[in-house]
């Protein structure tokens, strides 16, 4: 049942996500055009190697500490459930990769394009993996979303 807590959480997600997107675009603008090569470029030095070692140790300690907290908290149990944890890592990686197209286009346009693409691709994946079915009306909505991708992506 959908109640006020549902809508409050939707509002919070929307506000936090919008502010985060605007800040992300602002930060992306500071780096000019980004490419895969630029994102993967690391200048090898003693300091960068030490930094990578410390970062790796920090990530390992955070993951281990969170995993050890699973029995004490439903939030940690949820976060460190294998499918959820891998999904969050994948979502994190996709957010970093968004910097590449974001560096050459507007935030609103890219967000609209990715939102529709995500809706359509998630629906297809859900139908394949979870055998979810969709009414004709919903399928027409997906087709309209596909048309919007063509319209938004053209310029």
C-alpha atoms as a PDB file:
ATOM      1  CA  UNK A   1       0.000   0.000   0.000  1.00  0.00           C
ATOM      2  CA  UNK A   2       1.315   3.420  -0.978  1.00  0.00           C
ATOM      3  CA  UNK A   3       1.121   5.946   1.847  1.00  0.00           C
ATOM      4  CA  UNK A   4       2.715   9.257   2.798  1.00  0.00           C
ATOM      5  CA  UNK A   5       6.017   7.556   3.721  1.00  0.00           C
ATOM      6  CA  UNK A   6       6.273   6.322   0.132  1.00  0.00           C
ATOM      7  CA  UNK A   7       5.790   9.835  -1.278  1.00  0.00           C
ATOM      8  CA  UNK A   8       8.148  11.399   1.269  1.00  0.00           C
ATOM      9  CA  UNK A   9      10.856   8.912   0.256  1.00  0.00           C
ATOM     10  CA  UNK A  10      10.163   9.640  -3.448  1.00  0.00           C
ATOM     11  CA  UNK A  11      10.498  13.381  -2.766  1.00  0.00           C
ATOM     12  CA  UNK A  12      13.744  12.844  -0.821  1.00  0.00           C
ATOM     13  CA  UNK A  13      15.190  10.650  -3.585  1.00  0.00           C
ATOM     14  CA  UNK A  14      14.221  13.245  -6.194  1.00  0.00           C
ATOM     15  CA  UNK A  15      15.675  16.194  -4.277  1.00  0.00           C
ATOM     16  CA  UNK A  16      18.914  14.446  -3.315  1.00  0.00           C
ATOM     17  CA  UNK A  17      19.289  13.014  -6.828  1.00  0.00           C
ATOM     18  CA  UNK A  18      18.659  16.377  -8.489  1.00  0.00           C
ATOM     19  CA  UNK A  19      21.125  18.225  -6.270  1.00  0.00           C
ATOM     20  CA  UNK A  20      23.655  15.428  -6.781  1.00  0.00           C
ATOM     21  CA  UNK A  21      23.212  15.582 -10.566  1.00  0.00           C
ATOM     22  CA  UNK A  22      23.686  19.346 -10.662  1.00  0.00           C
ATOM     23  CA  UNK A  23      26.800  19.108  -8.479  1.00  0.00           C
ATOM     24  CA  UNK A  24      28.123  16.240 -10.629  1.00  0.00           C
ATOM     25  CA  UNK A  25      27.655  18.319 -13.808  1.00  0.00           C
ATOM     26  CA  UNK A  26      29.340  21.297 -12.140  1.00  0.00           C
ATOM     27  CA  UNK A  27      32.302  19.117 -11.186  1.00  0.00           C
ATOM     28  CA  UNK A  28      32.423  17.497 -14.629  1.00  0.00           C
ATOM     29  CA  UNK A  29      32.612  20.922 -16.292  1.00  0.00           C
ATOM     30  CA  UNK A  30      35.898  21.552 -14.466  1.00  0.00           C
ATOM     31  CA  UNK A  31      37.587  18.710 -16.411  1.00  0.00           C
ATOM     32  CA  UNK A  32      36.644  19.571 -19.999  1.00  0.00           C
ATOM     33  CA  UNK A  33      35.893  16.685 -22.333  1.00  0.00           C
ATOM     34  CA  UNK A  34      36.294  13.342 -20.610  1.00  0.00           C
ATOM     35  CA  UNK A  35      37.146  10.062 -22.339  1.00  0.00           C
ATOM     36  CA  UNK A  36      37.690   6.492 -21.176  1.00  0.00           C
ATOM     37  CA  UNK A  37      41.413   7.013 -21.660  1.00  0.00           C
ATOM     38  CA  UNK A  38      41.468  10.135 -19.471  1.00  0.00           C
ATOM     39  CA  UNK A  39      39.474   8.411 -16.728  1.00  0.00           C
ATOM     40  CA  UNK A  40      41.835   5.431 -16.699  1.00  0.00           C
ATOM     41  CA  UNK A  41      45.030   7.480 -16.922  1.00  0.00           C
ATOM     42  CA  UNK A  42      47.249   7.205 -13.844  1.00  0.00           C
ATOM     43  CA  UNK A  43      50.664   8.821 -13.615  1.00  0.00           C
ATOM     44  CA  UNK A  44      52.855   6.195 -11.929  1.00  0.00           C
ATOM     45  CA  UNK A  45      54.895   7.571  -9.067  1.00  0.00           C
ATOM     46  CA  UNK A  46      55.747   6.627  -5.513  1.00  0.00           C
ATOM     47  CA  UNK A  47      52.970   8.870  -4.197  1.00  0.00           C
ATOM     48  CA  UNK A  48      50.334   7.537  -6.614  1.00  0.00           C
ATOM     49  CA  UNK A  49      51.276   3.924  -5.792  1.00  0.00           C
ATOM     50  CA  UNK A  50      51.112   4.661  -2.065  1.00  0.00           C
ATOM     51  CA  UNK A  51      47.764   6.386  -2.591  1.00  0.00           C
ATOM     52  CA  UNK A  52      46.398   3.382  -4.505  1.00  0.00           C
ATOM     53  CA  UNK A  53      47.606   1.038  -1.759  1.00  0.00           C
ATOM     54  CA  UNK A  54      45.970   3.164   0.960  1.00  0.00           C
ATOM     55  CA  UNK A  55      42.752   3.496  -1.038  1.00  0.00           C
ATOM     56  CA  UNK A  56      42.646  -0.270  -1.611  1.00  0.00           C
ATOM     57  CA  UNK A  57      43.242  -0.940   2.083  1.00  0.00           C
ATOM     58  CA  UNK A  58      40.544   1.584   3.027  1.00  0.00           C
ATOM     59  CA  UNK A  59      37.999   0.044   0.681  1.00  0.00           C
ATOM     60  CA  UNK A  60      38.857  -3.434   1.950  1.00  0.00           C
ATOM     61  CA  UNK A  61      38.469  -2.322   5.573  1.00  0.00           C
ATOM     62  CA  UNK A  62      35.136  -0.582   4.839  1.00  0.00           C
ATOM     63  CA  UNK A  63      33.778  -3.670   3.074  1.00  0.00           C
ATOM     64  CA  UNK A  64      35.002  -6.014   5.804  1.00  0.00           C
ATOM     65  CA  UNK A  65      33.682  -3.761   8.574  1.00  0.00           C
ATOM     66  CA  UNK A  66      30.302  -3.434   6.883  1.00  0.00           C
ATOM     67  CA  UNK A  67      30.110  -7.173   6.307  1.00  0.00           C
ATOM     68  CA  UNK A  68      30.855  -7.791   9.997  1.00  0.00           C
ATOM     69  CA  UNK A  69      27.990  -5.429  10.935  1.00  0.00           C
ATOM     70  CA  UNK A  70      25.433  -7.507   8.981  1.00  0.00           C
ATOM     71  CA  UNK A  71      24.093  -9.349  12.048  1.00  0.00           C
ATOM     72  CA  UNK A  72      23.672  -6.077  13.975  1.00  0.00           C
ATOM     73  CA  UNK A  73      21.697  -4.055  11.405  1.00  0.00           C
ATOM     74  CA  UNK A  74      19.087  -4.734   8.731  1.00  0.00           C
ATOM     75  CA  UNK A  75      20.560  -1.828   6.752  1.00  0.00           C
ATOM     76  CA  UNK A  76      23.990  -3.499   6.656  1.00  0.00           C
ATOM     77  CA  UNK A  77      22.436  -6.907   6.037  1.00  0.00           C
ATOM     78  CA  UNK A  78      20.623  -5.393   3.035  1.00  0.00           C
ATOM     79  CA  UNK A  79      23.661  -3.421   1.810  1.00  0.00           C
ATOM     80  CA  UNK A  80      25.988  -6.415   1.977  1.00  0.00           C
ATOM     81  CA  UNK A  81      23.569  -8.959   0.528  1.00  0.00           C
ATOM     82  CA  UNK A  82      25.656 -10.157  -2.466  1.00  0.00           C
ATOM     83  CA  UNK A  83      23.215  -9.182  -5.223  1.00  0.00           C
ATOM     84  CA  UNK A  84      22.575  -5.757  -3.671  1.00  0.00           C
ATOM     85  CA  UNK A  85      26.275  -5.074  -3.055  1.00  0.00           C
ATOM     86  CA  UNK A  86      27.299  -6.017  -6.612  1.00  0.00           C
ATOM     87  CA  UNK A  87      24.409  -3.939  -7.978  1.00  0.00           C
ATOM     88  CA  UNK A  88      25.538  -0.895  -5.985  1.00  0.00           C
ATOM     89  CA  UNK A  89      29.110  -1.285  -7.232  1.00  0.00           C
ATOM     90  CA  UNK A  90      27.767  -1.457 -10.802  1.00  0.00           C
ATOM     91  CA  UNK A  91      25.579   1.621 -10.237  1.00  0.00           C
ATOM     92  CA  UNK A  92      28.606   3.469  -8.823  1.00  0.00           C
ATOM     93  CA  UNK A  93      30.667   2.564 -11.903  1.00  0.00           C
ATOM     94  CA  UNK A  94      27.862   3.706 -14.206  1.00  0.00           C
ATOM     95  CA  UNK A  95      27.668   7.052 -12.398  1.00  0.00           C
ATOM     96  CA  UNK A  96      31.389   7.594 -12.981  1.00  0.00           C
ATOM     97  CA  UNK A  97      30.984   6.680 -16.656  1.00  0.00           C
ATOM     98  CA  UNK A  98      28.157   9.232 -16.973  1.00  0.00           C
ATOM     99  CA  UNK A  99      30.886  11.860 -16.752  1.00  0.00           C
ATOM    100  CA  UNK A 100      31.975  11.010 -20.300  1.00  0.00           C
ATOM    101  CA  UNK A 101      28.772  12.010 -22.148  1.00  0.00           C
ATOM    102  CA  UNK A 102      27.995  14.648 -19.505  1.00  0.00           C
ATOM    103  CA  UNK A 103      31.224  16.436 -20.393  1.00  0.00           C
ATOM    104  CA  UNK A 104      29.916  17.116 -23.916  1.00  0.00           C
ATOM    105  CA  UNK A 105      26.161  17.640 -23.421  1.00  0.00           C
ATOM    106  CA  UNK A 106      23.685  19.269 -21.077  1.00  0.00           C
ATOM    107  CA  UNK A 107      22.536  17.730 -17.814  1.00  0.00           C
ATOM    108  CA  UNK A 108      18.813  17.890 -18.605  1.00  0.00           C
ATOM    109  CA  UNK A 109      19.184  16.356 -22.043  1.00  0.00           C
ATOM    110  CA  UNK A 110      21.488  13.557 -20.883  1.00  0.00           C
ATOM    111  CA  UNK A 111      19.330  12.804 -17.852  1.00  0.00           C
ATOM    112  CA  UNK A 112      16.187  12.590 -20.017  1.00  0.00           C
ATOM    113  CA  UNK A 113      17.946  10.327 -22.516  1.00  0.00           C
ATOM    114  CA  UNK A 114      19.414   8.016 -19.864  1.00  0.00           C
ATOM    115  CA  UNK A 115      16.162   7.884 -17.911  1.00  0.00           C
ATOM    116  CA  UNK A 116      14.157   6.689 -20.901  1.00  0.00           C
ATOM    117  CA  UNK A 117      16.885   4.258 -21.998  1.00  0.00           C
ATOM    118  CA  UNK A 118      17.065   2.920 -18.444  1.00  0.00           C
ATOM    119  CA  UNK A 119      13.284   2.472 -18.251  1.00  0.00           C
ATOM    120  CA  UNK A 120      13.143   0.557 -21.526  1.00  0.00           C
ATOM    121  CA  UNK A 121      16.238  -1.588 -20.900  1.00  0.00           C
ATOM    122  CA  UNK A 122      15.156  -2.349 -17.314  1.00  0.00           C
ATOM    123  CA  UNK A 123      11.691  -3.382 -18.514  1.00  0.00           C
ATOM    124  CA  UNK A 124      13.213  -5.732 -21.104  1.00  0.00           C
ATOM    125  CA  UNK A 125      15.600  -7.197 -18.514  1.00  0.00           C
ATOM    126  CA  UNK A 126      12.754  -7.576 -16.009  1.00  0.00           C
ATOM    127  CA  UNK A 127      10.643  -9.389 -18.595  1.00  0.00           C
ATOM    128  CA  UNK A 128      13.516 -11.750 -19.401  1.00  0.00           C
ATOM    129  CA  UNK A 129      14.772 -12.381 -15.847  1.00  0.00           C
ATOM    130  CA  UNK A 130      11.602 -12.112 -13.734  1.00  0.00           C
ATOM    131  CA  UNK A 131       9.065 -13.017 -16.460  1.00  0.00           C
ATOM    132  CA  UNK A 132       7.266  -9.715 -15.827  1.00  0.00           C
ATOM    133  CA  UNK A 133       4.440  -9.059 -18.268  1.00  0.00           C
ATOM    134  CA  UNK A 134       3.248  -5.698 -19.562  1.00  0.00           C
ATOM    135  CA  UNK A 135      -0.130  -4.574 -20.848  1.00  0.00           C
ATOM    136  CA  UNK A 136      -0.523  -3.208 -24.359  1.00  0.00           C
ATOM    137  CA  UNK A 137      -0.838   0.290 -22.902  1.00  0.00           C
ATOM    138  CA  UNK A 138       2.500  -0.037 -21.082  1.00  0.00           C
ATOM    139  CA  UNK A 139       4.186  -1.405 -24.211  1.00  0.00           C
ATOM    140  CA  UNK A 140       2.871   1.611 -26.151  1.00  0.00           C
ATOM    141  CA  UNK A 141       4.403   3.795 -23.427  1.00  0.00           C
ATOM    142  CA  UNK A 142       7.757   2.054 -23.943  1.00  0.00           C
ATOM    143  CA  UNK A 143       7.493   2.635 -27.694  1.00  0.00           C
ATOM    144  CA  UNK A 144       6.790   6.324 -27.060  1.00  0.00           C
ATOM    145  CA  UNK A 145       9.849   6.322 -24.817  1.00  0.00           C
ATOM    146  CA  UNK A 146      11.837   4.855 -27.711  1.00  0.00           C
ATOM    147  CA  UNK A 147      10.611   7.658 -29.954  1.00  0.00           C
ATOM    148  CA  UNK A 148      11.595  10.191 -27.300  1.00  0.00           C
ATOM    149  CA  UNK A 149      15.116   8.727 -27.292  1.00  0.00           C
ATOM    150  CA  UNK A 150      15.366   9.454 -31.004  1.00  0.00           C
ATOM    151  CA  UNK A 151      14.055  12.997 -30.528  1.00  0.00           C
ATOM    152  CA  UNK A 152      16.213  13.801 -27.490  1.00  0.00           C
ATOM    153  CA  UNK A 153      19.364  12.236 -28.949  1.00  0.00           C
ATOM    154  CA  UNK A 154      19.169  14.144 -32.226  1.00  0.00           C
ATOM    155  CA  UNK A 155      20.971  17.466 -32.490  1.00  0.00           C
END
